[in-house]
Amino acid sequence: LAGLASTRQTMRNQADKIGEIMEKSNSTLLHIEAQ
């Protein structure tokens, strides 16, 4: 259970990081399209 809890927390952190990357990628693409 402790392993699952730590894995779950790691997954949340990874999902947050992926979300940030997706947002940055999206804003970069929008910036390129605007230019």
All heavy atoms as atom14 arrays in JSON, in Angstrom:
{
  "sequence": "LAGLASTRQTMRNQADKIGEIMEKSNSTLLHIEAQ",
  "atom14_mask": [
    [1, 1, 1, 1, 1, 1, 1, 1, 0, 0, 0, 0, 0, 0],
    [1, 1, 1, 1, 1, 0, 0, 0, 0, 0, 0, 0, 0, 0],
    [1, 1, 1, 1, 0, 0, 0, 0, 0, 0, 0, 0, 0, 0],
    [1, 1, 1, 1, 1, 1, 1, 1, 0, 0, 0, 0, 0, 0],
    [1, 1, 1, 1, 1, 0, 0, 0, 0, 0, 0, 0, 0, 0],
    [1, 1, 1, 1, 1, 1, 0, 0, 0, 0, 0, 0, 0, 0],
    [1, 1, 1, 1, 1, 1, 1, 0, 0, 0, 0, 0, 0, 0],
    [1, 1, 1, 1, 1, 1, 1, 1, 1, 1, 1, 0, 0, 0],
    [1, 1, 1, 1, 1, 1, 1, 1, 1, 0, 0, 0, 0, 0],
    [1, 1, 1, 1, 1, 1, 1, 0, 0, 0, 0, 0, 0, 0],
    [1, 1, 1, 1, 1, 1, 1, 1, 0, 0, 0, 0, 0, 0],
    [1, 1, 1, 1, 1, 1, 1, 1, 1, 1, 1, 0, 0, 0],
    [1, 1, 1, 1, 1, 1, 1, 1, 0, 0, 0, 0, 0, 0],
    [1, 1, 1, 1, 1, 1, 1, 1, 1, 0, 0, 0, 0, 0],
    [1, 1, 1, 1, 1, 0, 0, 0, 0, 0, 0, 0, 0, 0],
    [1, 1, 1, 1, 1, 1, 1, 1, 0, 0, 0, 0, 0, 0],
    [1, 1, 1, 1, 1, 1, 1, 1, 1, 0, 0, 0, 0, 0],
    [1, 1, 1, 1, 1, 1, 1, 1, 0, 0, 0, 0, 0, 0],
    [1, 1, 1, 1, 0, 0, 0, 0, 0, 0, 0, 0, 0, 0],
    [1, 1, 1, 1, 1, 1, 1, 1, 1, 0, 0, 0, 0, 0],
    [1, 1, 1, 1, 1, 1, 1, 1, 0, 0, 0, 0, 0, 0],
    [1, 1, 1, 1, 1, 1, 1, 1, 0, 0, 0, 0, 0, 0],
    [1, 1, 1, 1, 1, 1, 1, 1, 1, 0, 0, 0, 0, 0],
    [1, 1, 1, 1, 1, 1, 1, 1, 1, 0, 0, 0, 0, 0],
    [1, 1, 1, 1, 1, 1, 0, 0, 0, 0, 0, 0, 0, 0],
    [1, 1, 1, 1, 1, 1, 1, 1, 0, 0, 0, 0, 0, 0],
    [1, 1, 1, 1, 1, 1, 0, 0, 0, 0, 0, 0, 0, 0],
    [1, 1, 1, 1, 1, 1, 1, 0, 0, 0, 0, 0, 0, 0],
    [1, 1, 1, 1, 1, 1, 1, 1, 0, 0, 0, 0, 0, 0],
    [1, 1, 1, 1, 1, 1, 1, 1, 0, 0, 0, 0, 0, 0],
    [1, 1, 1, 1, 1, 1, 1, 1, 1, 1, 0, 0, 0, 0],
    [1, 1, 1, 1, 1, 1, 1, 1, 0, 0, 0, 0, 0, 0],
    [1, 1, 1, 1, 1, 1, 1, 1, 1, 0, 0, 0, 0, 0],
    [1, 1, 1, 1, 1, 0, 0, 0, 0, 0, 0, 0, 0, 0],
    [1, 1, 1, 1, 1, 1, 1, 1, 1, 0, 0, 0, 0, 0]
  ],
  "atom14_positions": [
    [[0.83, -1.21, 0.0], [0.0, 0.0, 0.0], [0.86, 1.26, 0.0], [0.54, 2.23, -0.69], [-0.95, -0.01, 1.2], [-2.06, -1.06, 1.15], [-2.87, -1.03, 2.44], [-2.96, -0.85, -0.05], [0.0, 0.0, 0.0], [0.0, 0.0, 0.0], [0.0, 0.0, 0.0], [0.0, 0.0, 0.0], [0.0, 0.0, 0.0], [0.0, 0.0, 0.0]],
    [[1.95, 1.23, 0.75], [2.86, 2.39, 0.75], [3.49, 2.56, -0.63], [3.63, 3.7, -1.11], [3.94, 2.21, 1.81], [0.0, 0.0, 0.0], [0.0, 0.0, 0.0], [0.0, 0.0, 0.0], [0.0, 0.0, 0.0], [0.0, 0.0, 0.0], [0.0, 0.0, 0.0], [0.0, 0.0, 0.0], [0.0, 0.0, 0.0], [0.0, 0.0, 0.0]],
    [[3.86, 1.45, -1.25], [4.4, 1.52, -2.61], [3.4, 2.07, -3.6], [3.73, 2.88, -4.46], [0.0, 0.0, 0.0], [0.0, 0.0, 0.0], [0.0, 0.0, 0.0], [0.0, 0.0, 0.0], [0.0, 0.0, 0.0], [0.0, 0.0, 0.0], [0.0, 0.0, 0.0], [0.0, 0.0, 0.0], [0.0, 0.0, 0.0], [0.0, 0.0, 0.0]],
    [[2.15, 1.64, -3.46], [1.1, 2.14, -4.35], [0.87, 3.63, -4.12], [0.67, 4.39, -5.08], [-0.2, 1.37, -4.13], [-0.22, -0.06, -4.68], [-1.5, -0.76, -4.26], [-0.1, -0.06, -6.18], [0.0, 0.0, 0.0], [0.0, 0.0, 0.0], [0.0, 0.0, 0.0], [0.0, 0.0, 0.0], [0.0, 0.0, 0.0], [0.0, 0.0, 0.0]],
    [[0.91, 4.05, -2.86], [0.7, 5.47, -2.56], [1.83, 6.3, -3.15], [1.59, 7.36, -3.75], [0.59, 5.69, -1.06], [0.0, 0.0, 0.0], [0.0, 0.0, 0.0], [0.0, 0.0, 0.0], [0.0, 0.0, 0.0], [0.0, 0.0, 0.0], [0.0, 0.0, 0.0], [0.0, 0.0, 0.0], [0.0, 0.0, 0.0], [0.0, 0.0, 0.0]],
    [[3.07, 5.84, -3.0], [4.19, 6.6, -3.57], [4.13, 6.59, -5.09], [4.43, 7.6, -5.74], [5.52, 6.05, -3.07], [5.74, 4.76, -3.57], [0.0, 0.0, 0.0], [0.0, 0.0, 0.0], [0.0, 0.0, 0.0], [0.0, 0.0, 0.0], [0.0, 0.0, 0.0], [0.0, 0.0, 0.0], [0.0, 0.0, 0.0], [0.0, 0.0, 0.0]],
    [[3.73, 5.48, -5.68], [3.59, 5.41, -7.13], [2.5, 6.35, -7.62], [2.66, 7.03, -8.62], [3.27, 3.96, -7.57], [4.3, 3.1, -7.09], [3.18, 3.85, -9.08], [0.0, 0.0, 0.0], [0.0, 0.0, 0.0], [0.0, 0.0, 0.0], [0.0, 0.0, 0.0], [0.0, 0.0, 0.0], [0.0, 0.0, 0.0], [0.0, 0.0, 0.0]],
    [[1.41, 6.39, -6.87], [0.3, 7.28, -7.22], [0.77, 8.74, -7.17], [0.47, 9.53, -8.06], [-0.87, 7.07, -6.27], [-2.13, 7.8, -6.69], [-3.32, 7.52, -5.76], [-3.55, 6.09, -5.59], [-3.5, 5.47, -4.41], [-3.23, 6.14, -3.31], [-3.74, 4.18, -4.33], [0.0, 0.0, 0.0], [0.0, 0.0, 0.0], [0.0, 0.0, 0.0]],
    [[1.54, 9.09, -6.14], [2.05, 10.46, -6.03], [3.01, 10.77, -7.18], [2.95, 11.85, -7.77], [2.77, 10.65, -4.68], [3.25, 12.06, -4.46], [2.12, 13.07, -4.42], [1.03, 12.79, -3.97], [2.39, 14.26, -4.91], [0.0, 0.0, 0.0], [0.0, 0.0, 0.0], [0.0, 0.0, 0.0], [0.0, 0.0, 0.0], [0.0, 0.0, 0.0]],
    [[3.86, 9.8, -7.51], [4.77, 9.98, -8.64], [3.99, 10.16, -9.93], [4.33, 11.02, -10.76], [5.72, 8.76, -8.76], [6.43, 8.6, -7.54], [6.69, 8.94, -9.89], [0.0, 0.0, 0.0], [0.0, 0.0, 0.0], [0.0, 0.0, 0.0], [0.0, 0.0, 0.0], [0.0, 0.0, 0.0], [0.0, 0.0, 0.0], [0.0, 0.0, 0.0]],
    [[2.94, 9.39, -10.12], [2.11, 9.51, -11.32], [1.47, 10.89, -11.38], [1.37, 11.49, -12.45], [1.04, 8.42, -11.33], [1.58, 7.01, -11.47], [2.35, 6.71, -13.04], [0.93, 6.83, -14.09], [0.0, 0.0, 0.0], [0.0, 0.0, 0.0], [0.0, 0.0, 0.0], [0.0, 0.0, 0.0], [0.0, 0.0, 0.0], [0.0, 0.0, 0.0]],
    [[1.0, 11.38, -10.24], [0.4, 12.73, -10.22], [1.44, 13.77, -10.62], [1.14, 14.68, -11.4], [-0.16, 13.04, -8.84], [-1.44, 12.34, -8.53], [-2.02, 12.81, -7.21], [-3.08, 11.91, -6.79], [-3.21, 11.41, -5.57], [-2.36, 11.73, -4.63], [-4.2, 10.59, -5.29], [0.0, 0.0, 0.0], [0.0, 0.0, 0.0], [0.0, 0.0, 0.0]],
    [[2.65, 13.64, -10.06], [3.71, 14.59, -10.41], [4.03, 14.52, -11.89], [4.2, 15.56, -12.55], [4.96, 14.31, -9.58], [4.79, 14.62, -8.12], [3.89, 15.36, -7.73], [5.63, 14.05, -7.28], [0.0, 0.0, 0.0], [0.0, 0.0, 0.0], [0.0, 0.0, 0.0], [0.0, 0.0, 0.0], [0.0, 0.0, 0.0], [0.0, 0.0, 0.0]],
    [[4.11, 13.3, -12.42], [4.4, 13.16, -13.84], [3.27, 13.73, -14.69], [3.52, 14.39, -15.71], [4.62, 11.68, -14.19], [5.9, 11.12, -13.64], [6.01, 9.63, -13.86], [5.05, 8.95, -14.19], [7.21, 9.09, -13.64], [0.0, 0.0, 0.0], [0.0, 0.0, 0.0], [0.0, 0.0, 0.0], [0.0, 0.0, 0.0], [0.0, 0.0, 0.0]],
    [[2.04, 13.51, -14.28], [0.9, 14.05, -15.03], [0.92, 15.57, -14.98], [0.63, 16.23, -16.0], [-0.4, 13.51, -14.46], [0.0, 0.0, 0.0], [0.0, 0.0, 0.0], [0.0, 0.0, 0.0], [0.0, 0.0, 0.0], [0.0, 0.0, 0.0], [0.0, 0.0, 0.0], [0.0, 0.0, 0.0], [0.0, 0.0, 0.0], [0.0, 0.0, 0.0]],
    [[1.28, 16.14, -13.84], [1.38, 17.6, -13.74], [2.47, 18.14, -14.66], [2.27, 19.14, -15.35], [1.68, 18.02, -12.3], [0.5, 17.79, -11.37], [-0.64, 17.63, -11.88], [0.72, 17.76, -10.14], [0.0, 0.0, 0.0], [0.0, 0.0, 0.0], [0.0, 0.0, 0.0], [0.0, 0.0, 0.0], [0.0, 0.0, 0.0], [0.0, 0.0, 0.0]],
    [[3.62, 17.45, -14.69], [4.7, 17.88, -15.56], [4.3, 17.78, -17.03], [4.6, 18.67, -17.82], [5.96, 17.06, -15.3], [6.65, 17.43, -14.02], [7.91, 16.62, -13.82], [8.55, 16.96, -12.48], [9.77, 16.2, -12.24], [0.0, 0.0, 0.0], [0.0, 0.0, 0.0], [0.0, 0.0, 0.0], [0.0, 0.0, 0.0], [0.0, 0.0, 0.0]],
    [[3.63, 16.7, -17.39], [3.17, 16.54, -18.77], [2.17, 17.65, -19.1], [2.19, 18.21, -20.2], [2.57, 15.14, -18.99], [3.68, 14.1, -18.98], [1.8, 15.07, -20.31], [3.2, 12.67, -19.06], [0.0, 0.0, 0.0], [0.0, 0.0, 0.0], [0.0, 0.0, 0.0], [0.0, 0.0, 0.0], [0.0, 0.0, 0.0], [0.0, 0.0, 0.0]],
    [[1.3, 17.97, -18.16], [0.35, 19.07, -18.38], [1.06, 20.38, -18.63], [0.69, 21.15, -19.52], [0.0, 0.0, 0.0], [0.0, 0.0, 0.0], [0.0, 0.0, 0.0], [0.0, 0.0, 0.0], [0.0, 0.0, 0.0], [0.0, 0.0, 0.0], [0.0, 0.0, 0.0], [0.0, 0.0, 0.0], [0.0, 0.0, 0.0], [0.0, 0.0, 0.0]],
    [[2.11, 20.66, -17.85], [2.89, 21.89, -18.05], [3.55, 21.89, -19.42], [3.54, 22.9, -20.13], [3.95, 22.01, -16.97], [3.41, 22.3, -15.59], [4.5, 22.24, -14.52], [5.7, 22.24, -14.87], [4.13, 22.19, -13.33], [0.0, 0.0, 0.0], [0.0, 0.0, 0.0], [0.0, 0.0, 0.0], [0.0, 0.0, 0.0], [0.0, 0.0, 0.0]],
    [[4.12, 20.75, -19.79], [4.77, 20.65, -21.1], [3.76, 20.86, -22.22], [4.04, 21.55, -23.21], [5.49, 19.29, -21.25], [6.69, 19.23, -20.3], [5.93, 19.05, -22.68], [7.31, 17.86, -20.19], [0.0, 0.0, 0.0], [0.0, 0.0, 0.0], [0.0, 0.0, 0.0], [0.0, 0.0, 0.0], [0.0, 0.0, 0.0], [0.0, 0.0, 0.0]],
    [[2.59, 20.26, -22.07], [1.55, 20.42, -23.09], [1.12, 21.88, -23.2], [0.92, 22.4, -24.3], [0.34, 19.54, -22.76], [0.61, 18.05, -22.81], [1.08, 17.46, -24.43], [-0.44, 17.7, -25.29], [0.0, 0.0, 0.0], [0.0, 0.0, 0.0], [0.0, 0.0, 0.0], [0.0, 0.0, 0.0], [0.0, 0.0, 0.0], [0.0, 0.0, 0.0]],
    [[0.99, 22.56, -22.06], [0.61, 23.97, -22.09], [1.68, 24.81, -22.77], [1.38, 25.67, -23.6], [0.36, 24.49, -20.66], [-0.91, 23.98, -20.04], [-2.15, 24.45, -20.78], [-2.19, 25.6, -21.24], [-3.08, 23.64, -20.92], [0.0, 0.0, 0.0], [0.0, 0.0, 0.0], [0.0, 0.0, 0.0], [0.0, 0.0, 0.0], [0.0, 0.0, 0.0]],
    [[2.95, 24.55, -22.44], [4.05, 25.3, -23.07], [4.09, 25.02, -24.57], [4.28, 25.94, -25.36], [5.38, 24.92, -22.43], [5.56, 25.48, -21.04], [6.89, 25.05, -20.45], [7.04, 25.53, -19.03], [8.3, 25.07, -18.42], [0.0, 0.0, 0.0], [0.0, 0.0, 0.0], [0.0, 0.0, 0.0], [0.0, 0.0, 0.0], [0.0, 0.0, 0.0]],
    [[3.9, 23.75, -24.95], [3.91, 23.4, -26.37], [2.77, 24.08, -27.11], [2.95, 24.6, -28.21], [3.8, 21.88, -26.55], [4.88, 21.23, -25.94], [0.0, 0.0, 0.0], [0.0, 0.0, 0.0], [0.0, 0.0, 0.0], [0.0, 0.0, 0.0], [0.0, 0.0, 0.0], [0.0, 0.0, 0.0], [0.0, 0.0, 0.0], [0.0, 0.0, 0.0]],
    [[1.6, 24.07, -26.47], [0.44, 24.7, -27.08], [0.67, 26.2, -27.25], [0.39, 26.76, -28.31], [-0.8, 24.43, -26.24], [-2.07, 24.87, -26.94], [-2.11, 24.91, -28.16], [-3.07, 25.2, -26.17], [0.0, 0.0, 0.0], [0.0, 0.0, 0.0], [0.0, 0.0, 0.0], [0.0, 0.0, 0.0], [0.0, 0.0, 0.0], [0.0, 0.0, 0.0]],
    [[1.21, 26.86, -26.22], [1.44, 28.3, -26.33], [2.51, 28.6, -27.38], [2.42, 29.59, -28.1], [1.82, 28.89, -24.98], [3.04, 28.38, -24.54], [0.0, 0.0, 0.0], [0.0, 0.0, 0.0], [0.0, 0.0, 0.0], [0.0, 0.0, 0.0], [0.0, 0.0, 0.0], [0.0, 0.0, 0.0], [0.0, 0.0, 0.0], [0.0, 0.0, 0.0]],
    [[3.52, 27.72, -27.48], [4.56, 27.91, -28.49], [3.97, 27.78, -29.9], [4.25, 28.59, -30.78], [5.69, 26.88, -28.31], [6.23, 27.02, -27.0], [6.78, 27.07, -29.34], [0.0, 0.0, 0.0], [0.0, 0.0, 0.0], [0.0, 0.0, 0.0], [0.0, 0.0, 0.0], [0.0, 0.0, 0.0], [0.0, 0.0, 0.0], [0.0, 0.0, 0.0]],
    [[3.14, 26.76, -30.09], [2.5, 26.59, -31.41], [1.6, 27.77, -31.73], [1.58, 28.25, -32.88], [1.71, 25.29, -31.45], [2.54, 24.01, -31.54], [1.65, 22.79, -31.39], [3.31, 23.95, -32.83], [0.0, 0.0, 0.0], [0.0, 0.0, 0.0], [0.0, 0.0, 0.0], [0.0, 0.0, 0.0], [0.0, 0.0, 0.0], [0.0, 0.0, 0.0]],
    [[0.85, 28.25, -30.75], [0.0, 29.42, -30.98], [0.83, 30.64, -31.33], [0.47, 31.43, -32.21], [-0.88, 29.69, -29.76], [-1.99, 28.68, -29.5], [-2.68, 28.98, -28.17], [-3.0, 28.66, -30.62], [0.0, 0.0, 0.0], [0.0, 0.0, 0.0], [0.0, 0.0, 0.0], [0.0, 0.0, 0.0], [0.0, 0.0, 0.0], [0.0, 0.0, 0.0]],
    [[1.96, 30.79, -30.65], [2.85, 31.92, -30.93], [3.41, 31.83, -32.35], [3.44, 32.82, -33.08], [3.98, 31.94, -29.9], [4.95, 33.06, -30.09], [4.62, 34.36, -29.84], [6.23, 33.06, -30.52], [5.67, 35.13, -30.11], [6.66, 34.35, -30.51], [0.0, 0.0, 0.0], [0.0, 0.0, 0.0], [0.0, 0.0, 0.0], [0.0, 0.0, 0.0]],
    [[3.81, 30.63, -32.74], [4.34, 30.43, -34.1], [3.26, 30.72, -35.13], [3.51, 31.39, -36.14], [4.89, 29.0, -34.26], [6.17, 28.84, -33.44], [5.14, 28.67, -35.72], [6.66, 27.41, -33.36], [0.0, 0.0, 0.0], [0.0, 0.0, 0.0], [0.0, 0.0, 0.0], [0.0, 0.0, 0.0], [0.0, 0.0, 0.0], [0.0, 0.0, 0.0]],
    [[2.04, 30.24, -34.87], [0.94, 30.5, -35.81], [0.63, 31.99, -35.89], [0.36, 32.52, -36.97], [-0.3, 29.73, -35.4], [-0.2, 28.24, -35.66], [-1.43, 27.48, -35.18], [-2.33, 28.09, -34.59], [-1.47, 26.27, -35.41], [0.0, 0.0, 0.0], [0.0, 0.0, 0.0], [0.0, 0.0, 0.0], [0.0, 0.0, 0.0], [0.0, 0.0, 0.0]],
    [[0.68, 32.68, -34.75], [0.41, 34.12, -34.75], [1.48, 34.86, -35.55], [1.16, 35.77, -36.32], [0.36, 34.64, -33.32], [0.0, 0.0, 0.0], [0.0, 0.0, 0.0], [0.0, 0.0, 0.0], [0.0, 0.0, 0.0], [0.0, 0.0, 0.0], [0.0, 0.0, 0.0], [0.0, 0.0, 0.0], [0.0, 0.0, 0.0], [0.0, 0.0, 0.0]],
    [[2.73, 34.46, -35.38], [3.8, 35.1, -36.15], [3.65, 34.8, -37.64], [3.88, 35.66, -38.47], [5.17, 34.62, -35.67], [5.61, 35.25, -34.38], [7.01, 34.81, -33.99], [7.51, 33.81, -34.48], [7.61, 35.56, -33.1], [0.0, 0.0, 0.0], [0.0, 0.0, 0.0], [0.0, 0.0, 0.0], [0.0, 0.0, 0.0], [0.0, 0.0, 0.0]]
  ]
}
